[in-house]
PDB file of N, CA and C in Angstrom:
ATOM      1  N   UNK A   1      35.881  43.818 133.059  1.00  0.00           N
ATOM      2  CA  UNK A   1      35.698  42.300 132.664  1.00  0.00           C
ATOM      3  C   UNK A   1      34.739  42.018 131.974  1.00  0.00           C
ATOM      4  N   UNK A   2      34.573  41.488 131.039  1.00  0.00           N
ATOM      5  CA  UNK A   2      33.360  40.916 130.555  1.00  0.00           C
ATOM      6  C   UNK A   2      32.877  39.438 130.579  1.00  0.00           C
ATOM      7  N   UNK A   3      31.876  39.143 131.356  1.00  0.00           N
ATOM      8  CA  UNK A   3      31.011  38.127 131.497  1.00  0.00           C
ATOM      9  C   UNK A   3      29.999  37.963 130.822  1.00  0.00           C
ATOM     10  N   UNK A   4      29.687  36.763 130.680  1.00  0.00           N
ATOM     11  CA  UNK A   4      28.383  36.142 129.449  1.00  0.00           C
ATOM     12  C   UNK A   4      28.002  35.420 130.086  1.00  0.00           C
ATOM     13  N   UNK A   5      26.857  35.097 130.158  1.00  0.00           N
ATOM     14  CA  UNK A   5      26.030  34.017 130.793  1.00  0.00           C
ATOM     15  C   UNK A   5      25.534  33.495 129.455  1.00  0.00           C
ATOM     16  N   UNK A   6      25.186  32.115 129.613  1.00  0.00           N
ATOM     17  CA  UNK A   6      24.459  31.131 128.356  1.00  0.00           C
ATOM     18  C   UNK A   6      23.358  31.828 128.049  1.00  0.00           C
ATOM     19  N   UNK A   7      22.367  32.338 128.924  1.00  0.00           N
ATOM     20  CA  UNK A   7      21.036  32.986 128.594  1.00  0.00           C
ATOM     21  C   UNK A   7      21.449  34.218 127.513  1.00  0.00           C
ATOM     22  N   UNK A   8      22.468  35.045 128.198  1.00  0.00           N
ATOM     23  CA  UNK A   8      22.572  36.259 127.007  1.00  0.00           C
ATOM     24  C   UNK A   8      23.228  36.090 125.760  1.00  0.00           C
ATOM     25  N   UNK A   9      23.908  34.770 125.432  1.00  0.00           N
ATOM     26  CA  UNK A   9      24.087  34.304 124.087  1.00  0.00           C
ATOM     27  C   UNK A   9      23.053  34.090 123.703  1.00  0.00           C
ATOM     28  N   UNK A  10      22.393  33.216 124.125  1.00  0.00           N
ATOM     29  CA  UNK A  10      20.779  32.847 123.745  1.00  0.00           C
ATOM     30  C   UNK A  10      20.188  34.272 122.956  1.00  0.00           C
ATOM     31  N   UNK A  11      19.726  35.045 124.032  1.00  0.00           N
ATOM     32  CA  UNK A  11      19.172  36.358 123.700  1.00  0.00           C
ATOM     33  C   UNK A  11      19.821  36.588 122.612  1.00  0.00           C
ATOM     34  N   UNK A  12      21.121  37.367 122.425  1.00  0.00           N
ATOM     35  CA  UNK A  12      21.525  37.663 121.162  1.00  0.00           C
ATOM     36  C   UNK A  12      21.628  37.225 120.185  1.00  0.00           C
ATOM     37  N   UNK A  13      21.728  35.784 120.124  1.00  0.00           N
ATOM     38  CA  UNK A  13      21.546  34.966 118.984  1.00  0.00           C
ATOM     39  C   UNK A  13      19.837  35.012 118.500  1.00  0.00           C
ATOM     40  N   UNK A  14      19.140  35.194 119.395  1.00  0.00           N
ATOM     41  CA  UNK A  14      17.471  35.041 118.843  1.00  0.00           C
ATOM     42  C   UNK A  14      17.427  36.536 118.213  1.00  0.00           C
ATOM     43  N   UNK A  15      17.962  37.696 118.883  1.00  0.00           N
ATOM     44  CA  UNK A  15      17.445  39.069 118.415  1.00  0.00           C
ATOM     45  C   UNK A  15      18.173  39.081 117.128  1.00  0.00           C
ATOM     46  N   UNK A  16      19.148  38.858 116.725  1.00  0.00           N
ATOM     47  CA  UNK A  16      19.805  38.823 115.527  1.00  0.00           C
ATOM     48  C   UNK A  16      19.069  38.052 114.599  1.00  0.00           C
ATOM     49  N   UNK A  17      18.743  36.897 114.840  1.00  0.00           N
ATOM     50  CA  UNK A  17      17.900  36.053 113.790  1.00  0.00           C
ATOM     51  C   UNK A  17      16.378  36.700 113.647  1.00  0.00           C
ATOM     52  N   UNK A  18      15.989  37.338 114.472  1.00  0.00           N
ATOM     53  CA  UNK A  18      14.587  38.026 114.607  1.00  0.00           C
ATOM     54  C   UNK A  18      14.860  39.184 113.429  1.00  0.00           C
ATOM     55  N   UNK A  19      15.817  39.873 113.594  1.00  0.00           N
ATOM     56  CA  UNK A  19      16.200  41.208 112.809  1.00  0.00           C
ATOM     57  C   UNK A  19      16.286  40.885 111.556  1.00  0.00           C
ATOM     58  N   UNK A  20      17.068  39.566 111.170  1.00  0.00           N
ATOM     59  CA  UNK A  20      17.719  39.106 109.685  1.00  0.00           C
ATOM     60  C   UNK A  20      16.255  38.866 109.259  1.00  0.00           C
ATOM     61  N   UNK A  21      15.227  38.170 109.587  1.00  0.00           N
ATOM     62  CA  UNK A  21      14.179  37.729 109.339  1.00  0.00           C
ATOM     63  C   UNK A  21      12.640  38.943 109.192  1.00  0.00           C
ATOM     64  N   UNK A  22      13.357  40.096 109.579  1.00  0.00           N
ATOM     65  CA  UNK A  22      12.334  41.295 109.307  1.00  0.00           C
ATOM     66  C   UNK A  22      12.194  41.763 107.971  1.00  0.00           C
ATOM     67  N   UNK A  23      13.593  41.656 107.267  1.00  0.00           N
ATOM     68  CA  UNK A  23      13.718  42.154 106.009  1.00  0.00           C
ATOM     69  C   UNK A  23      13.876  43.772 106.049  1.00  0.00           C
ATOM     70  N   UNK A  24      14.725  44.062 106.866  1.00  0.00           N
ATOM     71  CA  UNK A  24      14.612  45.639 106.944  1.00  0.00           C
ATOM     72  C   UNK A  24      15.707  46.111 106.093  1.00  0.00           C
ATOM     73  N   UNK A  25      15.431  46.830 105.221  1.00  0.00           N
ATOM     74  CA  UNK A  25      16.365  47.251 104.220  1.00  0.00           C
ATOM     75  C   UNK A  25      17.066  48.725 104.178  1.00  0.00           C
ATOM     76  N   UNK A  26      16.624  49.406 105.561  1.00  0.00           N
ATOM     77  CA  UNK A  26      17.159  50.652 105.593  1.00  0.00           C
ATOM     78  C   UNK A  26      18.856  50.755 105.668  1.00  0.00           C
ATOM     79  N   UNK A  27      18.970  51.281 104.378  1.00  0.00           N
ATOM     80  CA  UNK A  27      20.553  51.651 104.073  1.00  0.00           C
ATOM     81  C   UNK A  27      21.587  52.138 105.691  1.00  0.00           C
ATOM     82  N   UNK A  28      21.225  52.777 106.332  1.00  0.00           N
ATOM     83  CA  UNK A  28      21.824  53.276 107.364  1.00  0.00           C
ATOM     84  C   UNK A  28      22.001  52.018 108.668  1.00  0.00           C
ATOM     85  N   UNK A  29      21.399  50.947 108.530  1.00  0.00           N
ATOM     86  CA  UNK A  29      21.340  50.056 109.485  1.00  0.00           C
ATOM     87  C   UNK A  29      22.321  48.882 108.886  1.00  0.00           C
ATOM     88  N   UNK A  30      23.156  48.256 109.322  1.00  0.00           N
ATOM     89  CA  UNK A  30      24.038  46.962 109.083  1.00  0.00           C
ATOM     90  C   UNK A  30      23.317  45.765 109.227  1.00  0.00           C
ATOM     91  N   UNK A  31      23.263  44.781 108.423  1.00  0.00           N
ATOM     92  CA  UNK A  31      22.416  43.670 108.557  1.00  0.00           C
ATOM     93  C   UNK A  31      23.236  42.831 109.648  1.00  0.00           C
ATOM     94  N   UNK A  32      22.397  41.892 110.371  1.00  0.00           N
ATOM     95  CA  UNK A  32      23.398  41.681 111.602  1.00  0.00           C
ATOM     96  C   UNK A  32      24.660  40.657 111.234  1.00  0.00           C
ATOM     97  N   UNK A  33      24.324  40.208 110.154  1.00  0.00           N
ATOM     98  CA  UNK A  33      25.557  39.319 109.744  1.00  0.00           C
ATOM     99  C   UNK A  33      26.891  40.204 109.562  1.00  0.00           C
ATOM    100  N   UNK A  34      26.714  41.466 109.536  1.00  0.00           N
ATOM    101  CA  UNK A  34      27.846  42.408 109.542  1.00  0.00           C
ATOM    102  C   UNK A  34      27.896  43.112 110.655  1.00  0.00           C
ATOM    103  N   UNK A  35      27.459  42.929 111.675  1.00  0.00           N
ATOM    104  CA  UNK A  35      27.408  43.484 112.919  1.00  0.00           C
ATOM    105  C   UNK A  35      28.956  43.168 113.606  1.00  0.00           C
ATOM    106  N   UNK A  36      29.846  44.440 114.113  1.00  0.00           N
ATOM    107  CA  UNK A  36      31.061  44.256 114.329  1.00  0.00           C
ATOM    108  C   UNK A  36      31.086  43.180 115.469  1.00  0.00           C
ATOM    109  N   UNK A  37      32.000  42.667 115.846  1.00  0.00           N
ATOM    110  CA  UNK A  37      32.483  41.865 116.905  1.00  0.00           C
ATOM    111  C   UNK A  37      32.875  42.568 118.139  1.00  0.00           C
ATOM    112  N   UNK A  38      32.354  42.348 119.198  1.00  0.00           N
ATOM    113  CA  UNK A  38      33.146  42.861 120.737  1.00  0.00           C
ATOM    114  C   UNK A  38      34.545  42.300 120.647  1.00  0.00           C
ATOM    115  N   UNK A  39      35.513  43.082 120.649  1.00  0.00           N
ATOM    116  CA  UNK A  39      37.243  42.914 120.709  1.00  0.00           C
ATOM    117  C   UNK A  39      37.207  41.982 121.663  1.00  0.00           C
ATOM    118  N   UNK A  40      36.380  41.591 122.840  1.00  0.00           N
ATOM    119  CA  UNK A  40      36.879  41.323 124.158  1.00  0.00           C
ATOM    120  C   UNK A  40      36.087  39.719 124.203  1.00  0.00           C
ATOM    121  N   UNK A  41      34.933  39.472 123.743  1.00  0.00           N
ATOM    122  CA  UNK A  41      34.005  38.682 124.126  1.00  0.00           C
ATOM    123  C   UNK A  41      33.408  38.049 122.668  1.00  0.00           C
ATOM    124  N   UNK A  42      33.619  38.791 121.301  1.00  0.00           N
ATOM    125  CA  UNK A  42      33.113  38.454 120.254  1.00  0.00           C
ATOM    126  C   UNK A  42      31.364  38.530 120.070  1.00  0.00           C
ATOM    127  N   UNK A  43      30.874  39.182 120.909  1.00  0.00           N
ATOM    128  CA  UNK A  43      29.477  39.117 120.700  1.00  0.00           C
ATOM    129  C   UNK A  43      29.175  40.299 119.733  1.00  0.00           C
ATOM    130  N   UNK A  44      27.976  40.360 119.049  1.00  0.00           N
ATOM    131  CA  UNK A  44      27.818  41.111 117.777  1.00  0.00           C
ATOM    132  C   UNK A  44      27.403  42.717 118.732  1.00  0.00           C
ATOM    133  N   UNK A  45      28.120  43.593 118.319  1.00  0.00           N
ATOM    134  CA  UNK A  45      28.121  44.729 119.135  1.00  0.00           C
ATOM    135  C   UNK A  45      26.978  45.695 118.068  1.00  0.00           C
ATOM    136  N   UNK A  46      25.924  46.037 119.109  1.00  0.00           N
ATOM    137  CA  UNK A  46      24.880  47.152 118.182  1.00  0.00           C
ATOM    138  C   UNK A  46      25.027  48.368 118.511  1.00  0.00           C
ATOM    139  N   UNK A  47      25.528  48.826 119.949  1.00  0.00           N
ATOM    140  CA  UNK A  47      25.451  50.370 120.094  1.00  0.00           C
ATOM    141  C   UNK A  47      27.159  50.463 120.939  1.00  0.00           C
ATOM    142  N   UNK A  48      27.498  51.128 121.213  1.00  0.00           N
ATOM    143  CA  UNK A  48      28.510  52.073 121.985  1.00  0.00           C
ATOM    144  C   UNK A  48      28.150  53.316 122.561  1.00  0.00           C
ATOM    145  N   UNK A  49      28.294  53.406 123.738  1.00  0.00           N
ATOM    146  CA  UNK A  49      28.039  54.460 124.658  1.00  0.00           C
ATOM    147  C   UNK A  49      29.077  54.655 125.370  1.00  0.00           C
ATOM    148  N   UNK A  50      29.543  56.181 125.066  1.00  0.00           N
ATOM    149  CA  UNK A  50      30.823  57.014 125.481  1.00  0.00           C
ATOM    150  C   UNK A  50      30.408  57.415 127.083  1.00  0.00           C
ATOM    151  N   UNK A  51      31.772  56.690 127.871  1.00  0.00           N
ATOM    152  CA  UNK A  51      31.547  56.732 129.036  1.00  0.00           C
ATOM    153  C   UNK A  51      32.870  57.603 129.460  1.00  0.00           C
ATOM    154  N   UNK A  52      33.507  58.226 128.791  1.00  0.00           N
ATOM    155  CA  UNK A  52      34.623  59.355 128.925  1.00  0.00           C
ATOM    156  C   UNK A  52      35.143  59.129 127.466  1.00  0.00           C
ATOM    157  N   UNK A  53      36.294  59.870 127.642  1.00  0.00           N
ATOM    158  CA  UNK A  53      37.183  60.667 126.247  1.00  0.00           C
ATOM    159  C   UNK A  53      37.628  59.263 125.554  1.00  0.00           C
ATOM    160  N   UNK A  54      37.957  58.273 126.592  1.00  0.00           N
ATOM    161  CA  UNK A  54      38.765  57.099 126.007  1.00  0.00           C
ATOM    162  C   UNK A  54      38.495  55.819 126.226  1.00  0.00           C
ATOM    163  N   UNK A  55      36.890  55.787 127.016  1.00  0.00           N
ATOM    164  CA  UNK A  55      36.280  54.558 127.141  1.00  0.00           C
ATOM    165  C   UNK A  55      34.695  54.695 126.653  1.00  0.00           C
ATOM    166  N   UNK A  56      34.088  53.510 126.338  1.00  0.00           N
ATOM    167  CA  UNK A  56      32.818  53.274 126.015  1.00  0.00           C
ATOM    168  C   UNK A  56      32.361  51.829 126.290  1.00  0.00           C
ATOM    169  N   UNK A  57      31.058  51.766 126.477  1.00  0.00           N
ATOM    170  CA  UNK A  57      30.455  50.742 127.176  1.00  0.00           C
ATOM    171  C   UNK A  57      29.692  49.821 125.791  1.00  0.00           C
ATOM    172  N   UNK A  58      30.181  48.492 125.200  1.00  0.00           N
ATOM    173  CA  UNK A  58      29.431  48.102 124.091  1.00  0.00           C
ATOM    174  C   UNK A  58      28.292  47.483 124.265  1.00  0.00           C
ATOM    175  N   UNK A  59      27.500  47.508 123.457  1.00  0.00           N
ATOM    176  CA  UNK A  59      26.008  46.919 123.996  1.00  0.00           C
ATOM    177  C   UNK A  59      25.812  45.764 123.201  1.00  0.00           C
ATOM    178  N   UNK A  60      25.393  44.846 123.330  1.00  0.00           N
ATOM    179  CA  UNK A  60      24.569  44.230 124.489  1.00  0.00           C
ATOM    180  C   UNK A  60      25.314  43.606 125.516  1.00  0.00           C
ATOM    181  N   UNK A  61      26.607  43.363 125.198  1.00  0.00           N
ATOM    182  CA  UNK A  61      27.531  42.586 126.148  1.00  0.00           C
ATOM    183  C   UNK A  61      27.961  43.402 127.253  1.00  0.00           C
ATOM    184  N   UNK A  62      28.265  44.714 127.147  1.00  0.00           N
ATOM    185  CA  UNK A  62      28.731  45.693 128.557  1.00  0.00           C
ATOM    186  C   UNK A  62      30.043  45.821 128.581  1.00  0.00           C
ATOM    187  N   UNK A  63      31.091  45.158 127.778  1.00  0.00           N
ATOM    188  CA  UNK A  63      32.430  45.130 127.601  1.00  0.00           C
ATOM    189  C   UNK A  63      32.954  46.697 127.444  1.00  0.00           C
ATOM    190  N   UNK A  64      33.907  47.189 128.119  1.00  0.00           N
ATOM    191  CA  UNK A  64      34.744  48.580 128.049  1.00  0.00           C
ATOM    192  C   UNK A  64      35.617  48.174 126.447  1.00  0.00           C
ATOM    193  N   UNK A  65      35.090  49.397 125.520  1.00  0.00           N
ATOM    194  CA  UNK A  65      35.923  49.394 124.098  1.00  0.00           C
ATOM    195  C   UNK A  65      36.315  50.554 124.134  1.00  0.00           C
ATOM    196  N   UNK A  66      37.190  50.931 122.708  1.00  0.00           N
ATOM    197  CA  UNK A  66      37.366  51.999 122.265  1.00  0.00           C
ATOM    198  C   UNK A  66      36.179  52.766 121.902  1.00  0.00           C
ATOM    199  N   UNK A  67      35.976  54.114 122.308  1.00  0.00           N
ATOM    200  CA  UNK A  67      34.786  55.108 121.713  1.00  0.00           C
ATOM    201  C   UNK A  67      34.146  55.122 120.120  1.00  0.00           C
ATOM    202  N   UNK A  68      35.241  54.958 119.389  1.00  0.00           N
ATOM    203  CA  UNK A  68      34.863  54.880 117.976  1.00  0.00           C
ATOM    204  C   UNK A  68      35.035  53.424 117.081  1.00  0.00           C
ATOM    205  N   UNK A  69      34.774  52.634 118.002  1.00  0.00           N
ATOM    206  CA  UNK A  69      34.574  51.240 117.604  1.00  0.00           C
ATOM    207  C   UNK A  69      33.936  50.832 116.392  1.00  0.00           C
ATOM    208  N   UNK A  70      32.448  51.210 116.424  1.00  0.00           N
ATOM    209  CA  UNK A  70      31.527  50.980 115.339  1.00  0.00           C
ATOM    210  C   UNK A  70      32.003  52.057 114.330  1.00  0.00           C
ATOM    211  N   UNK A  71      32.091  53.058 114.295  1.00  0.00           N
ATOM    212  CA  UNK A  71      32.458  54.075 112.973  1.00  0.00           C
ATOM    213  C   UNK A  71      33.790  53.349 112.308  1.00  0.00           C
ATOM    214  N   UNK A  72      34.598  53.196 112.804  1.00  0.00           N
ATOM    215  CA  UNK A  72      35.574  52.727 112.077  1.00  0.00           C
ATOM    216  C   UNK A  72      35.437  51.455 111.197  1.00  0.00           C
ATOM    217  N   UNK A  73      34.748  50.648 112.114  1.00  0.00           N
ATOM    218  CA  UNK A  73      34.488  49.047 111.295  1.00  0.00           C
ATOM    219  C   UNK A  73      33.693  49.308 110.446  1.00  0.00           C
ATOM    220  N   UNK A  74      32.349  50.284 110.456  1.00  0.00           N
ATOM    221  CA  UNK A  74      31.742  50.529 109.490  1.00  0.00           C
ATOM    222  C   UNK A  74      32.364  51.349 108.264  1.00  0.00           C
ATOM    223  N   UNK A  75      33.181  52.245 108.463  1.00  0.00           N
ATOM    224  CA  UNK A  75      33.824  52.572 107.472  1.00  0.00           C
ATOM    225  C   UNK A  75      34.825  51.643 106.694  1.00  0.00           C
ATOM    226  N   UNK A  76      35.410  50.639 107.490  1.00  0.00           N
ATOM    227  CA  UNK A  76      36.243  49.710 106.928  1.00  0.00           C
ATOM    228  C   UNK A  76      35.592  48.741 106.011  1.00  0.00           C
ATOM    229  N   UNK A  77      34.211  48.413 106.282  1.00  0.00           N
ATOM    230  CA  UNK A  77      33.504  47.811 105.479  1.00  0.00           C
ATOM    231  C   UNK A  77      32.808  48.454 104.241  1.00  0.00           C
ATOM    232  N   UNK A  78      32.973  49.876 104.518  1.00  0.00           N
ATOM    233  CA  UNK A  78      32.241  50.662 103.414  1.00  0.00           C
ATOM    234  C   UNK A  78      33.469  50.669 102.360  1.00  0.00           C
ATOM    235  N   UNK A  79      34.516  51.160 102.827  1.00  0.00           N
ATOM    236  CA  UNK A  79      35.533  51.176 102.044  1.00  0.00           C
ATOM    237  C   UNK A  79      35.886  49.745 101.352  1.00  0.00           C
ATOM    238  N   UNK A  80      35.888  48.506 101.471  1.00  0.00           N
ATOM    239  CA  UNK A  80      35.796  47.272 100.944  1.00  0.00           C
ATOM    240  C   UNK A  80      34.675  47.313 100.174  1.00  0.00           C
ATOM    241  N   UNK A  81      33.691  47.340 100.407  1.00  0.00           N
ATOM    242  CA  UNK A  81      32.771  47.149  99.562  1.00  0.00           C
ATOM    243  C   UNK A  81      32.649  48.368  98.359  1.00  0.00           C
ATOM    244  N   UNK A  82      33.118  49.496  98.368  1.00  0.00           N
ATOM    245  CA  UNK A  82      33.560  50.273  97.451  1.00  0.00           C
ATOM    246  C   UNK A  82      34.562  49.715  96.440  1.00  0.00           C
ATOM    247  N   UNK A  83      35.533  49.215  96.947  1.00  0.00           N
ATOM    248  CA  UNK A  83      36.695  48.731  95.939  1.00  0.00           C
ATOM    249  C   UNK A  83      36.329  47.605  95.381  1.00  0.00           C
ATOM    250  N   UNK A  84      35.289  46.500  96.052  1.00  0.00           N
ATOM    251  CA  UNK A  84      34.789  45.471  95.168  1.00  0.00           C
ATOM    252  C   UNK A  84      33.769  46.034  94.207  1.00  0.00           C
ATOM    253  N   UNK A  85      33.405  47.062  94.263  1.00  0.00           N
ATOM    254  CA  UNK A  85      32.329  47.777  93.080  1.00  0.00           C
ATOM    255  C   UNK A  85      32.994  48.301  92.099  1.00  0.00           C
ATOM    256  N   UNK A  86      34.332  48.657  92.302  1.00  0.00           N
ATOM    257  CA  UNK A  86      35.155  49.545  91.501  1.00  0.00           C
ATOM    258  C   UNK A  86      35.738  48.274  90.665  1.00  0.00           C
ATOM    259  N   UNK A  87      36.252  47.323  91.431  1.00  0.00           N
ATOM    260  CA  UNK A  87      36.780  46.415  90.490  1.00  0.00           C
ATOM    261  C   UNK A  87      35.826  45.505  89.671  1.00  0.00           C
ATOM    262  N   UNK A  88      34.762  45.424  90.120  1.00  0.00           N
ATOM    263  CA  UNK A  88      33.516  44.829  89.136  1.00  0.00           C
ATOM    264  C   UNK A  88      33.115  45.953  88.024  1.00  0.00           C
ATOM    265  N   UNK A  89      32.739  46.971  88.242  1.00  0.00           N
ATOM    266  CA  UNK A  89      32.994  47.873  87.206  1.00  0.00           C
ATOM    267  C   UNK A  89      33.767  48.021  86.020  1.00  0.00           C
ATOM    268  N   UNK A  90      35.005  47.876  86.774  1.00  0.00           N
ATOM    269  CA  UNK A  90      36.260  48.047  85.703  1.00  0.00           C
ATOM    270  C   UNK A  90      36.485  46.554  84.800  1.00  0.00           C
ATOM    271  N   UNK A  91      35.989  45.215  85.411  1.00  0.00           N
ATOM    272  CA  UNK A  91      36.226  44.434  84.571  1.00  0.00           C
ATOM    273  C   UNK A  91      34.993  44.523  83.701  1.00  0.00           C
ATOM    274  N   UNK A  92      33.805  44.859  83.842  1.00  0.00           N
ATOM    275  CA  UNK A  92      32.380  44.993  83.056  1.00  0.00           C
ATOM    276  C   UNK A  92      32.992  46.025  81.761  1.00  0.00           C
ATOM    277  N   UNK A  93      33.827  46.875  81.997  1.00  0.00           N
ATOM    278  CA  UNK A  93      34.099  48.152  81.325  1.00  0.00           C
ATOM    279  C   UNK A  93      35.245  47.324  80.211  1.00  0.00           C
ATOM    280  N   UNK A  94      36.434  46.307  80.908  1.00  0.00           N
ATOM    281  CA  UNK A  94      37.196  46.019  80.049  1.00  0.00           C
ATOM    282  C   UNK A  94      36.361  44.966  79.247  1.00  0.00           C
ATOM    283  N   UNK A  95      35.445  44.009  79.709  1.00  0.00           N
ATOM    284  CA  UNK A  95      35.099  43.469  78.648  1.00  0.00           C
ATOM    285  C   UNK A  95      34.023  44.008  77.432  1.00  0.00           C
ATOM    286  N   UNK A  96      33.512  45.126  77.734  1.00  0.00           N
ATOM    287  CA  UNK A  96      32.988  45.776  77.019  1.00  0.00           C
ATOM    288  C   UNK A  96      33.864  46.413  75.994  1.00  0.00           C
ATOM    289  N   UNK A  97      34.861  46.969  76.452  1.00  0.00           N
ATOM    290  CA  UNK A  97      35.821  47.270  75.532  1.00  0.00           C
ATOM    291  C   UNK A  97      36.481  46.517  74.628  1.00  0.00           C
ATOM    292  N   UNK A  98      36.775  45.230  74.960  1.00  0.00           N
ATOM    293  CA  UNK A  98      37.127  44.033  74.338  1.00  0.00           C
ATOM    294  C   UNK A  98      36.411  43.997  73.166  1.00  0.00           C
ATOM    295  N   UNK A  99      34.998  43.969  73.108  1.00  0.00           N
ATOM    296  CA  UNK A  99      33.769  43.766  72.274  1.00  0.00           C
ATOM    297  C   UNK A  99      33.594  44.963  71.102  1.00  0.00           C
ATOM    298  N   UNK A 100      34.136  46.096  71.805  1.00  0.00           N
ATOM    299  CA  UNK A 100      34.316  47.035  70.947  1.00  0.00           C
ATOM    300  C   UNK A 100      35.471  47.332  69.806  1.00  0.00           C
ATOM    301  N   UNK A 101      36.574  46.763  70.352  1.00  0.00           N
ATOM    302  CA  UNK A 101      37.644  46.545  69.558  1.00  0.00           C
ATOM    303  C   UNK A 101      37.699  45.402  68.609  1.00  0.00           C
ATOM    304  N   UNK A 102      36.892  44.228  68.844  1.00  0.00           N
ATOM    305  CA  UNK A 102      36.421  43.305  67.751  1.00  0.00           C
ATOM    306  C   UNK A 102      35.580  43.545  66.759  1.00  0.00           C
ATOM    307  N   UNK A 103      34.667  44.423  67.111  1.00  0.00           N
ATOM    308  CA  UNK A 103      33.969  45.038  66.100  1.00  0.00           C
ATOM    309  C   UNK A 103      34.427  46.200  65.143  1.00  0.00           C
ATOM    310  N   UNK A 104      35.414  46.647  65.734  1.00  0.00           N
ATOM    311  CA  UNK A 104      36.240  47.719  64.751  1.00  0.00           C
ATOM    312  C   UNK A 104      37.106  46.988  63.748  1.00  0.00           C
ATOM    313  N   UNK A 105      37.504  45.637  63.999  1.00  0.00           N
ATOM    314  CA  UNK A 105      38.631  45.177  63.251  1.00  0.00           C
ATOM    315  C   UNK A 105      37.677  44.424  62.293  1.00  0.00           C
ATOM    316  N   UNK A 106      36.423  44.196  62.490  1.00  0.00           N
ATOM    317  CA  UNK A 106      35.723  43.474  61.165  1.00  0.00           C
ATOM    318  C   UNK A 106      35.381  44.084  60.163  1.00  0.00           C
TER     319      UNK A 106
END
């Protein structure tokens, strides 16, 4: 069971805001706006501690979650970002090719 008090919600919001204003650009750390929400209480999850083969505790909320929660979500975000980058690169390549074709006609 996941119970949240108003004080915990305020603390979480303050921590996320403070982290965002720090300007931390470490590539291994996700920015607070992309933190995975807890599937039970929607609090941004910063850590997951395994307590068994099928259970883990999400932090800071304390809800029980699947052990691979953060790794799966992080991988999903990376795949989405890579797809967007490939599409963007392809569209730039297409624009470049169109200019080359026009030059060859002239």
